[in-house]
Amino acid sequence: MKESQGFTQGWIWTGLTSCVALMGFVFYTAVNKNEDMLWMVYLAVIGLLILLVFLVFLTANLSLQIDEKGIVFQFFPFQLRPKQIDWDKIKMASIISFDPIYNFKGWGIRKGRNKEKAYIVKGNLGLKLDLKNNECIIIGIQDKEKIKSCLDSYCRKEFSQ
């Protein structure tokens, strides 16, 4: 089973598009008014940074795969290689609900209140993995029933909710 999610929230894209449009307008106005070169360099650098942030959000993707070997996930472009966790390294797997703002102070790769490491793109559901080395990882999910079905098939661990 595979699940993939990106940043599709409208408020993110409205904000980023507005920044890019505003930067384009300011740059266009500066060129037409023949502003001095240093001002143009500042605008170009700021414009490139805004474009870089835009591209990061455009390409950001949290992918999750559950199969007979274990769980593989990757939060591209922040993790360049997928992380594999074999079933024999997992003490317990459960599906949880959380509030991204309250529990993790936002979205992305975050540390929780109890030192869990969370990978969150959107929503309020997560696959919580308690590992035998006492680490805890939470991976944001969208399709609770599919994930629960896979966990029932492959892992037979205790589930919540």
N, C-alpha and C. Protein backbone atom coordinates (compact mmCIF):
# COMPACT_ATOMS: atom_id res chain seq x y z
N MET A 1 0.84 -1.17 0.00
CA MET A 1 0.00 0.00 0.00
C MET A 1 0.89 1.24 0.00
N LYS A 2 0.55 2.18 -0.85
CA LYS A 2 1.30 3.43 -0.93
C LYS A 2 0.37 4.60 -0.71
N GLU A 3 0.87 5.61 -0.03
CA GLU A 3 0.14 6.85 0.14
C GLU A 3 1.13 8.00 -0.06
N SER A 4 0.67 9.02 -0.74
CA SER A 4 1.52 10.18 -1.01
C SER A 4 0.70 11.44 -0.81
N GLN A 5 1.31 12.44 -0.21
CA GLN A 5 0.60 13.70 0.01
C GLN A 5 1.56 14.87 -0.13
N GLY A 6 1.01 15.96 -0.66
CA GLY A 6 1.79 17.19 -0.82
C GLY A 6 1.05 18.34 -0.18
N PHE A 7 1.67 19.49 -0.21
CA PHE A 7 1.05 20.69 0.35
C PHE A 7 0.02 21.22 -0.64
N THR A 8 -1.24 20.88 -0.44
CA THR A 8 -2.30 21.32 -1.35
C THR A 8 -3.26 22.30 -0.67
N GLN A 9 -2.93 22.72 0.54
CA GLN A 9 -3.81 23.64 1.25
C GLN A 9 -3.86 24.97 0.50
N GLY A 10 -5.08 25.46 0.29
CA GLY A 10 -5.29 26.69 -0.47
C GLY A 10 -4.62 27.90 0.14
N TRP A 11 -4.62 28.00 1.47
CA TRP A 11 -4.04 29.18 2.11
C TRP A 11 -2.54 29.27 1.87
N ILE A 12 -1.85 28.13 1.76
CA ILE A 12 -0.42 28.15 1.48
C ILE A 12 -0.17 28.71 0.09
N TRP A 13 -0.92 28.18 -0.88
CA TRP A 13 -0.71 28.59 -2.27
C TRP A 13 -1.17 30.03 -2.51
N THR A 14 -2.20 30.47 -1.80
CA THR A 14 -2.62 31.87 -1.92
C THR A 14 -1.51 32.79 -1.43
N GLY A 15 -0.94 32.46 -0.29
CA GLY A 15 0.15 33.28 0.27
C GLY A 15 1.38 33.29 -0.61
N LEU A 16 1.80 32.12 -1.08
CA LEU A 16 2.99 32.05 -1.92
C LEU A 16 2.79 32.74 -3.26
N THR A 17 1.63 32.53 -3.88
CA THR A 17 1.34 33.17 -5.16
C THR A 17 1.28 34.69 -5.00
N SER A 18 0.70 35.15 -3.91
CA SER A 18 0.65 36.59 -3.64
C SER A 18 2.05 37.18 -3.50
N CYS A 19 2.92 36.48 -2.78
CA CYS A 19 4.31 36.95 -2.62
C CYS A 19 5.03 37.03 -3.97
N VAL A 20 4.88 35.99 -4.78
CA VAL A 20 5.53 35.98 -6.09
C VAL A 20 4.97 37.11 -6.96
N ALA A 21 3.65 37.29 -6.96
CA ALA A 21 3.04 38.36 -7.77
C ALA A 21 3.49 39.74 -7.29
N LEU A 22 3.50 39.95 -5.99
CA LEU A 22 3.94 41.23 -5.43
C LEU A 22 5.41 41.50 -5.77
N MET A 23 6.23 40.47 -5.66
CA MET A 23 7.65 40.63 -5.98
C MET A 23 7.83 40.97 -7.46
N GLY A 24 7.07 40.31 -8.32
CA GLY A 24 7.12 40.62 -9.75
C GLY A 24 6.72 42.06 -10.03
N PHE A 25 5.67 42.52 -9.37
CA PHE A 25 5.21 43.90 -9.56
C PHE A 25 6.27 44.90 -9.09
N VAL A 26 6.85 44.66 -7.91
CA VAL A 26 7.87 45.57 -7.38
C VAL A 26 9.09 45.59 -8.30
N PHE A 27 9.51 44.43 -8.77
CA PHE A 27 10.66 44.35 -9.67
C PHE A 27 10.37 45.08 -10.98
N TYR A 28 9.20 44.86 -11.55
CA TYR A 28 8.80 45.53 -12.79
C TYR A 28 8.78 47.04 -12.61
N THR A 29 8.22 47.51 -11.49
CA THR A 29 8.17 48.95 -11.20
C THR A 29 9.58 49.52 -11.06
N ALA A 30 10.46 48.80 -10.37
CA ALA A 30 11.83 49.28 -10.18
C ALA A 30 12.58 49.37 -11.51
N VAL A 31 12.38 48.41 -12.39
CA VAL A 31 13.02 48.44 -13.71
C VAL A 31 12.52 49.63 -14.51
N ASN A 32 11.23 49.87 -14.51
CA ASN A 32 10.65 50.98 -15.28
C ASN A 32 11.04 52.35 -14.73
N LYS A 33 11.33 52.45 -13.44
CA LYS A 33 11.72 53.73 -12.85
C LYS A 33 13.24 53.92 -12.85
N ASN A 34 13.96 52.97 -13.43
CA ASN A 34 15.43 53.03 -13.50
C ASN A 34 16.07 53.22 -12.13
N GLU A 35 15.65 52.40 -11.17
CA GLU A 35 16.23 52.46 -9.82
C GLU A 35 17.72 52.09 -9.89
N ASP A 36 18.47 52.47 -8.84
CA ASP A 36 19.91 52.18 -8.88
C ASP A 36 20.16 50.67 -8.80
N MET A 37 21.34 50.28 -9.21
CA MET A 37 21.68 48.86 -9.38
C MET A 37 21.65 48.08 -8.07
N LEU A 38 22.06 48.69 -6.97
CA LEU A 38 22.07 47.99 -5.68
C LEU A 38 20.65 47.58 -5.28
N TRP A 39 19.68 48.46 -5.49
CA TRP A 39 18.28 48.17 -5.22
C TRP A 39 17.82 46.98 -6.06
N MET A 40 18.24 46.94 -7.31
CA MET A 40 17.85 45.85 -8.21
C MET A 40 18.46 44.51 -7.74
N VAL A 41 19.69 44.55 -7.25
CA VAL A 41 20.32 43.33 -6.74
C VAL A 41 19.56 42.82 -5.52
N TYR A 42 19.19 43.71 -4.60
CA TYR A 42 18.40 43.31 -3.44
C TYR A 42 17.09 42.66 -3.87
N LEU A 43 16.42 43.29 -4.80
CA LEU A 43 15.15 42.75 -5.29
C LEU A 43 15.34 41.38 -5.94
N ALA A 44 16.40 41.23 -6.71
CA ALA A 44 16.66 39.96 -7.38
C ALA A 44 16.92 38.85 -6.36
N VAL A 45 17.70 39.15 -5.32
CA VAL A 45 18.00 38.15 -4.28
C VAL A 45 16.72 37.77 -3.54
N ILE A 46 15.94 38.76 -3.14
CA ILE A 46 14.68 38.48 -2.44
C ILE A 46 13.74 37.69 -3.34
N GLY A 47 13.67 38.07 -4.61
CA GLY A 47 12.82 37.35 -5.57
C GLY A 47 13.24 35.90 -5.72
N LEU A 48 14.55 35.66 -5.79
CA LEU A 48 15.04 34.28 -5.91
C LEU A 48 14.73 33.46 -4.66
N LEU A 49 14.85 34.08 -3.49
CA LEU A 49 14.51 33.38 -2.25
C LEU A 49 13.03 33.01 -2.20
N ILE A 50 12.17 33.94 -2.60
CA ILE A 50 10.73 33.65 -2.63
C ILE A 50 10.44 32.54 -3.64
N LEU A 51 11.10 32.58 -4.78
CA LEU A 51 10.92 31.54 -5.79
C LEU A 51 11.40 30.19 -5.27
N LEU A 52 12.51 30.18 -4.54
CA LEU A 52 13.03 28.94 -3.96
C LEU A 52 12.03 28.34 -2.98
N VAL A 53 11.46 29.17 -2.10
CA VAL A 53 10.44 28.70 -1.16
C VAL A 53 9.24 28.14 -1.92
N PHE A 54 8.82 28.83 -2.96
CA PHE A 54 7.71 28.40 -3.79
C PHE A 54 8.00 27.01 -4.38
N LEU A 55 9.21 26.83 -4.91
CA LEU A 55 9.58 25.55 -5.52
C LEU A 55 9.67 24.43 -4.48
N VAL A 56 10.14 24.75 -3.28
CA VAL A 56 10.20 23.73 -2.21
C VAL A 56 8.79 23.24 -1.89
N PHE A 57 7.84 24.17 -1.73
CA PHE A 57 6.46 23.77 -1.45
C PHE A 57 5.85 23.01 -2.62
N LEU A 58 6.22 23.39 -3.83
CA LEU A 58 5.68 22.73 -5.02
C LEU A 58 6.15 21.28 -5.12
N THR A 59 7.41 21.03 -4.75
CA THR A 59 7.96 19.68 -4.88
C THR A 59 7.86 18.84 -3.61
N ALA A 60 7.55 19.47 -2.47
CA ALA A 60 7.50 18.74 -1.20
C ALA A 60 6.44 17.64 -1.26
N ASN A 61 6.83 16.46 -0.78
CA ASN A 61 5.96 15.30 -0.88
C ASN A 61 6.30 14.32 0.24
N LEU A 62 5.29 13.90 0.98
CA LEU A 62 5.47 12.88 2.00
C LEU A 62 4.90 11.58 1.45
N SER A 63 5.77 10.60 1.24
CA SER A 63 5.31 9.32 0.72
C SER A 63 5.49 8.24 1.79
N LEU A 64 4.55 7.32 1.80
CA LEU A 64 4.53 6.24 2.79
C LEU A 64 4.20 4.95 2.06
N GLN A 65 4.97 3.91 2.35
CA GLN A 65 4.70 2.59 1.78
C GLN A 65 4.73 1.57 2.90
N ILE A 66 3.71 0.73 2.93
CA ILE A 66 3.64 -0.34 3.93
C ILE A 66 3.55 -1.65 3.17
N ASP A 67 4.47 -2.57 3.48
CA ASP A 67 4.44 -3.88 2.83
C ASP A 67 4.93 -4.94 3.82
N GLU A 68 5.16 -6.15 3.33
CA GLU A 68 5.52 -7.25 4.21
C GLU A 68 6.88 -7.07 4.88
N LYS A 69 7.75 -6.22 4.32
CA LYS A 69 9.07 -5.98 4.91
C LYS A 69 9.01 -4.97 6.06
N GLY A 70 8.13 -3.99 5.92
CA GLY A 70 8.06 -2.94 6.94
C GLY A 70 7.43 -1.68 6.38
N ILE A 71 7.88 -0.56 6.91
CA ILE A 71 7.34 0.74 6.55
C ILE A 71 8.47 1.59 5.98
N VAL A 72 8.21 2.19 4.82
CA VAL A 72 9.17 3.06 4.17
C VAL A 72 8.51 4.42 3.99
N PHE A 73 9.22 5.48 4.37
CA PHE A 73 8.67 6.81 4.17
C PHE A 73 9.77 7.78 3.76
N GLN A 74 9.36 8.85 3.09
CA GLN A 74 10.28 9.89 2.66
C GLN A 74 9.55 11.21 2.59
N PHE A 75 10.15 12.25 3.14
CA PHE A 75 9.61 13.60 3.07
C PHE A 75 10.57 14.40 2.18
N PHE A 76 10.33 14.30 0.88
CA PHE A 76 11.18 14.98 -0.11
C PHE A 76 10.80 16.45 -0.16
N PRO A 77 11.68 17.37 -0.29
CA PRO A 77 13.13 17.33 -0.52
C PRO A 77 13.95 17.37 0.77
N PHE A 78 13.32 17.24 1.92
CA PHE A 78 14.03 17.35 3.19
C PHE A 78 14.75 16.06 3.56
N GLN A 79 14.25 14.94 3.09
CA GLN A 79 14.93 13.64 3.22
C GLN A 79 15.24 13.20 1.80
N LEU A 80 16.50 13.10 1.48
CA LEU A 80 16.85 12.73 0.11
C LEU A 80 16.73 11.23 -0.12
N ARG A 81 16.84 10.44 0.95
CA ARG A 81 16.69 8.99 0.83
C ARG A 81 15.52 8.51 1.68
N PRO A 82 14.78 7.54 1.17
CA PRO A 82 13.68 6.99 1.97
C PRO A 82 14.22 6.31 3.23
N LYS A 83 13.43 6.36 4.29
CA LYS A 83 13.80 5.68 5.54
C LYS A 83 12.96 4.42 5.66
N GLN A 84 13.62 3.29 5.87
CA GLN A 84 12.93 2.01 6.01
C GLN A 84 12.99 1.57 7.47
N ILE A 85 11.83 1.16 7.97
CA ILE A 85 11.75 0.61 9.32
C ILE A 85 11.15 -0.79 9.18
N ASP A 86 11.96 -1.79 9.48
CA ASP A 86 11.49 -3.18 9.37
C ASP A 86 10.55 -3.50 10.53
N TRP A 87 9.64 -4.46 10.28
CA TRP A 87 8.65 -4.83 11.29
C TRP A 87 9.30 -5.27 12.60
N ASP A 88 10.46 -5.95 12.51
CA ASP A 88 11.08 -6.45 13.74
C ASP A 88 11.68 -5.33 14.61
N LYS A 89 11.74 -4.10 14.10
CA LYS A 89 12.23 -2.96 14.89
C LYS A 89 11.09 -2.16 15.52
N ILE A 90 9.84 -2.56 15.20
CA ILE A 90 8.67 -1.83 15.69
C ILE A 90 8.07 -2.55 16.89
N LYS A 91 7.99 -1.84 18.01
CA LYS A 91 7.37 -2.39 19.22
C LYS A 91 5.85 -2.31 19.12
N MET A 92 5.35 -1.16 18.65
CA MET A 92 3.90 -0.96 18.52
C MET A 92 3.62 0.04 17.40
N ALA A 93 2.55 -0.21 16.66
CA ALA A 93 2.10 0.72 15.62
C ALA A 93 0.65 1.06 15.92
N SER A 94 0.31 2.34 15.83
CA SER A 94 -1.07 2.75 16.09
C SER A 94 -1.43 3.95 15.23
N ILE A 95 -2.72 4.11 15.01
CA ILE A 95 -3.22 5.27 14.28
C ILE A 95 -3.75 6.25 15.32
N ILE A 96 -3.27 7.49 15.24
CA ILE A 96 -3.64 8.50 16.24
C ILE A 96 -4.21 9.75 15.57
N SER A 97 -4.93 10.52 16.37
CA SER A 97 -5.37 11.86 15.97
C SER A 97 -4.52 12.86 16.73
N PHE A 98 -4.24 13.99 16.10
CA PHE A 98 -3.45 15.03 16.76
C PHE A 98 -3.82 16.38 16.17
N ASP A 99 -3.38 17.41 16.84
CA ASP A 99 -3.53 18.78 16.36
C ASP A 99 -2.14 19.25 15.96
N PRO A 100 -1.88 19.46 14.66
CA PRO A 100 -0.52 19.82 14.23
C PRO A 100 0.03 21.06 14.93
N ILE A 101 -0.83 22.05 15.16
CA ILE A 101 -0.36 23.29 15.79
C ILE A 101 -0.08 23.05 17.28
N TYR A 102 -1.03 22.46 17.99
CA TYR A 102 -0.89 22.26 19.43
C TYR A 102 0.21 21.25 19.77
N ASN A 103 0.19 20.09 19.09
CA ASN A 103 1.12 19.02 19.44
C ASN A 103 2.52 19.19 18.87
N PHE A 104 2.62 19.80 17.68
CA PHE A 104 3.92 19.86 17.00
C PHE A 104 4.33 21.26 16.55
N LYS A 105 3.53 22.26 16.89
CA LYS A 105 3.80 23.65 16.51
C LYS A 105 3.88 23.83 15.00
N GLY A 106 3.11 23.05 14.25
CA GLY A 106 3.04 23.26 12.80
C GLY A 106 3.25 22.01 11.99
N TRP A 107 3.57 22.23 10.72
CA TRP A 107 3.72 21.15 9.76
C TRP A 107 5.19 21.03 9.38
N GLY A 108 5.54 19.90 8.74
CA GLY A 108 6.91 19.66 8.33
C GLY A 108 7.50 18.53 9.15
N ILE A 109 8.81 18.56 9.33
CA ILE A 109 9.49 17.59 10.20
C ILE A 109 9.62 18.28 11.55
N ARG A 110 8.95 17.76 12.55
CA ARG A 110 8.81 18.45 13.83
C ARG A 110 9.13 17.53 15.00
N LYS A 111 9.48 18.12 16.12
CA LYS A 111 9.61 17.39 17.39
C LYS A 111 8.37 17.68 18.22
N GLY A 112 7.78 16.64 18.78
CA GLY A 112 6.58 16.80 19.58
C GLY A 112 6.88 17.10 21.03
N ARG A 113 5.82 17.26 21.79
CA ARG A 113 5.94 17.56 23.22
C ARG A 113 6.64 16.43 23.98
N ASN A 114 6.46 15.20 23.53
CA ASN A 114 7.06 14.04 24.20
C ASN A 114 8.27 13.51 23.44
N LYS A 115 8.92 14.38 22.69
CA LYS A 115 10.14 14.06 21.93
C LYS A 115 9.90 13.14 20.74
N GLU A 116 8.63 12.97 20.33
CA GLU A 116 8.41 12.18 19.13
C GLU A 116 8.84 13.00 17.92
N LYS A 117 9.27 12.32 16.88
CA LYS A 117 9.62 13.00 15.64
C LYS A 117 8.44 12.81 14.69
N ALA A 118 7.92 13.93 14.19
CA ALA A 118 6.72 13.87 13.35
C ALA A 118 7.02 14.39 11.95
N TYR A 119 6.40 13.74 10.97
CA TYR A 119 6.47 14.15 9.57
C TYR A 119 5.04 14.45 9.15
N ILE A 120 4.71 15.74 9.03
CA ILE A 120 3.32 16.13 8.81
C ILE A 120 3.21 17.08 7.63
N VAL A 121 2.29 16.77 6.71
CA VAL A 121 2.02 17.66 5.58
C VAL A 121 0.65 18.31 5.74
N LYS A 122 -0.34 17.51 6.08
CA LYS A 122 -1.70 18.05 6.27
C LYS A 122 -2.52 17.06 7.08
N GLY A 123 -3.67 17.50 7.50
CA GLY A 123 -4.58 16.62 8.22
C GLY A 123 -4.24 16.50 9.70
N ASN A 124 -4.99 15.62 10.36
CA ASN A 124 -4.82 15.43 11.80
C ASN A 124 -4.71 13.96 12.19
N LEU A 125 -4.39 13.10 11.23
CA LEU A 125 -4.21 11.68 11.50
C LEU A 125 -2.76 11.29 11.27
N GLY A 126 -2.28 10.35 12.09
CA GLY A 126 -0.91 9.91 11.92
C GLY A 126 -0.73 8.45 12.27
N LEU A 127 0.29 7.87 11.67
CA LEU A 127 0.72 6.52 11.99
C LEU A 127 1.84 6.68 13.02
N LYS A 128 1.57 6.23 14.24
CA LYS A 128 2.55 6.35 15.33
C LYS A 128 3.31 5.04 15.44
N LEU A 129 4.62 5.12 15.35
CA LEU A 129 5.48 3.95 15.46
C LEU A 129 6.34 4.08 16.71
N ASP A 130 6.11 3.20 17.67
CA ASP A 130 6.97 3.11 18.84
C ASP A 130 8.01 2.04 18.53
N LEU A 131 9.25 2.45 18.45
CA LEU A 131 10.31 1.54 18.05
C LEU A 131 10.96 0.88 19.27
N LYS A 132 11.60 -0.24 19.04
CA LYS A 132 12.24 -0.98 20.13
C LYS A 132 13.43 -0.23 20.72
N ASN A 133 14.00 0.72 19.97
CA ASN A 133 15.11 1.52 20.49
C ASN A 133 14.61 2.76 21.25
N ASN A 134 13.32 2.75 21.60
CA ASN A 134 12.64 3.81 22.37
C ASN A 134 12.42 5.11 21.61
N GLU A 135 12.63 5.11 20.30
CA GLU A 135 12.26 6.27 19.49
C GLU A 135 10.77 6.19 19.17
N CYS A 136 10.20 7.34 18.89
CA CYS A 136 8.80 7.39 18.47
C CYS A 136 8.72 8.26 17.22
N ILE A 137 8.11 7.72 16.18
CA ILE A 137 7.96 8.43 14.91
C ILE A 137 6.49 8.51 14.57
N ILE A 138 6.04 9.69 14.15
CA ILE A 138 4.67 9.87 13.70
C ILE A 138 4.71 10.34 12.25
N ILE A 139 4.00 9.62 11.39
CA ILE A 139 3.94 9.96 9.97
C ILE A 139 2.50 10.33 9.64
N GLY A 140 2.31 11.53 9.13
CA GLY A 140 0.96 11.97 8.78
C GLY A 140 0.35 11.08 7.71
N ILE A 141 -0.93 10.75 7.88
CA ILE A 141 -1.64 9.91 6.91
C ILE A 141 -2.97 10.57 6.54
N GLN A 142 -3.56 10.10 5.45
CA GLN A 142 -4.86 10.60 5.02
C GLN A 142 -5.93 9.52 5.06
N ASP A 143 -5.57 8.30 4.67
CA ASP A 143 -6.55 7.22 4.55
C ASP A 143 -6.42 6.24 5.72
N LYS A 144 -7.13 6.54 6.79
CA LYS A 144 -7.05 5.76 8.03
C LYS A 144 -7.41 4.29 7.80
N GLU A 145 -8.47 4.02 7.06
CA GLU A 145 -8.93 2.64 6.87
C GLU A 145 -7.93 1.80 6.10
N LYS A 146 -7.34 2.36 5.04
CA LYS A 146 -6.34 1.62 4.27
C LYS A 146 -5.11 1.30 5.11
N ILE A 147 -4.67 2.29 5.87
CA ILE A 147 -3.49 2.09 6.72
C ILE A 147 -3.79 1.04 7.79
N LYS A 148 -4.95 1.13 8.42
CA LYS A 148 -5.33 0.15 9.45
C LYS A 148 -5.39 -1.25 8.86
N SER A 149 -5.94 -1.37 7.66
CA SER A 149 -6.02 -2.67 6.99
C SER A 149 -4.62 -3.24 6.73
N CYS A 150 -3.70 -2.41 6.27
CA CYS A 150 -2.33 -2.86 6.03
C CYS A 150 -1.65 -3.28 7.32
N LEU A 151 -1.83 -2.48 8.36
CA LEU A 151 -1.22 -2.83 9.64
C LEU A 151 -1.79 -4.14 10.17
N ASP A 152 -3.10 -4.35 10.00
CA ASP A 152 -3.72 -5.61 10.42
C ASP A 152 -3.11 -6.78 9.65
N SER A 153 -2.84 -6.58 8.37
CA SER A 153 -2.31 -7.65 7.52
C SER A 153 -0.86 -7.97 7.84
N TYR A 154 -0.04 -6.94 8.00
CA TYR A 154 1.40 -7.16 8.09
C TYR A 154 1.95 -7.19 9.50
N CYS A 155 1.33 -6.51 10.40
CA CYS A 155 2.02 -6.30 11.66
C CYS A 155 1.31 -6.88 12.87
N ARG A 156 -0.01 -6.88 12.88
CA ARG A 156 -0.79 -7.43 13.98
C ARG A 156 -0.38 -6.86 15.34
N LYS A 157 -0.14 -5.57 15.36
CA LYS A 157 0.21 -4.89 16.62
C LYS A 157 -1.04 -4.26 17.20
N GLU A 158 -0.91 -3.69 18.37
CA GLU A 158 -2.04 -3.04 19.03
C GLU A 158 -2.36 -1.72 18.33
N PHE A 159 -3.65 -1.43 18.17
CA PHE A 159 -4.07 -0.21 17.50
C PHE A 159 -4.96 0.60 18.41
N SER A 160 -4.91 1.91 18.21
CA SER A 160 -5.84 2.77 18.95
C SER A 160 -6.78 3.42 17.97
N GLN A 161 -7.92 3.82 18.47
CA GLN A 161 -8.96 4.55 17.73
C GLN A 161 -9.70 3.65 16.82
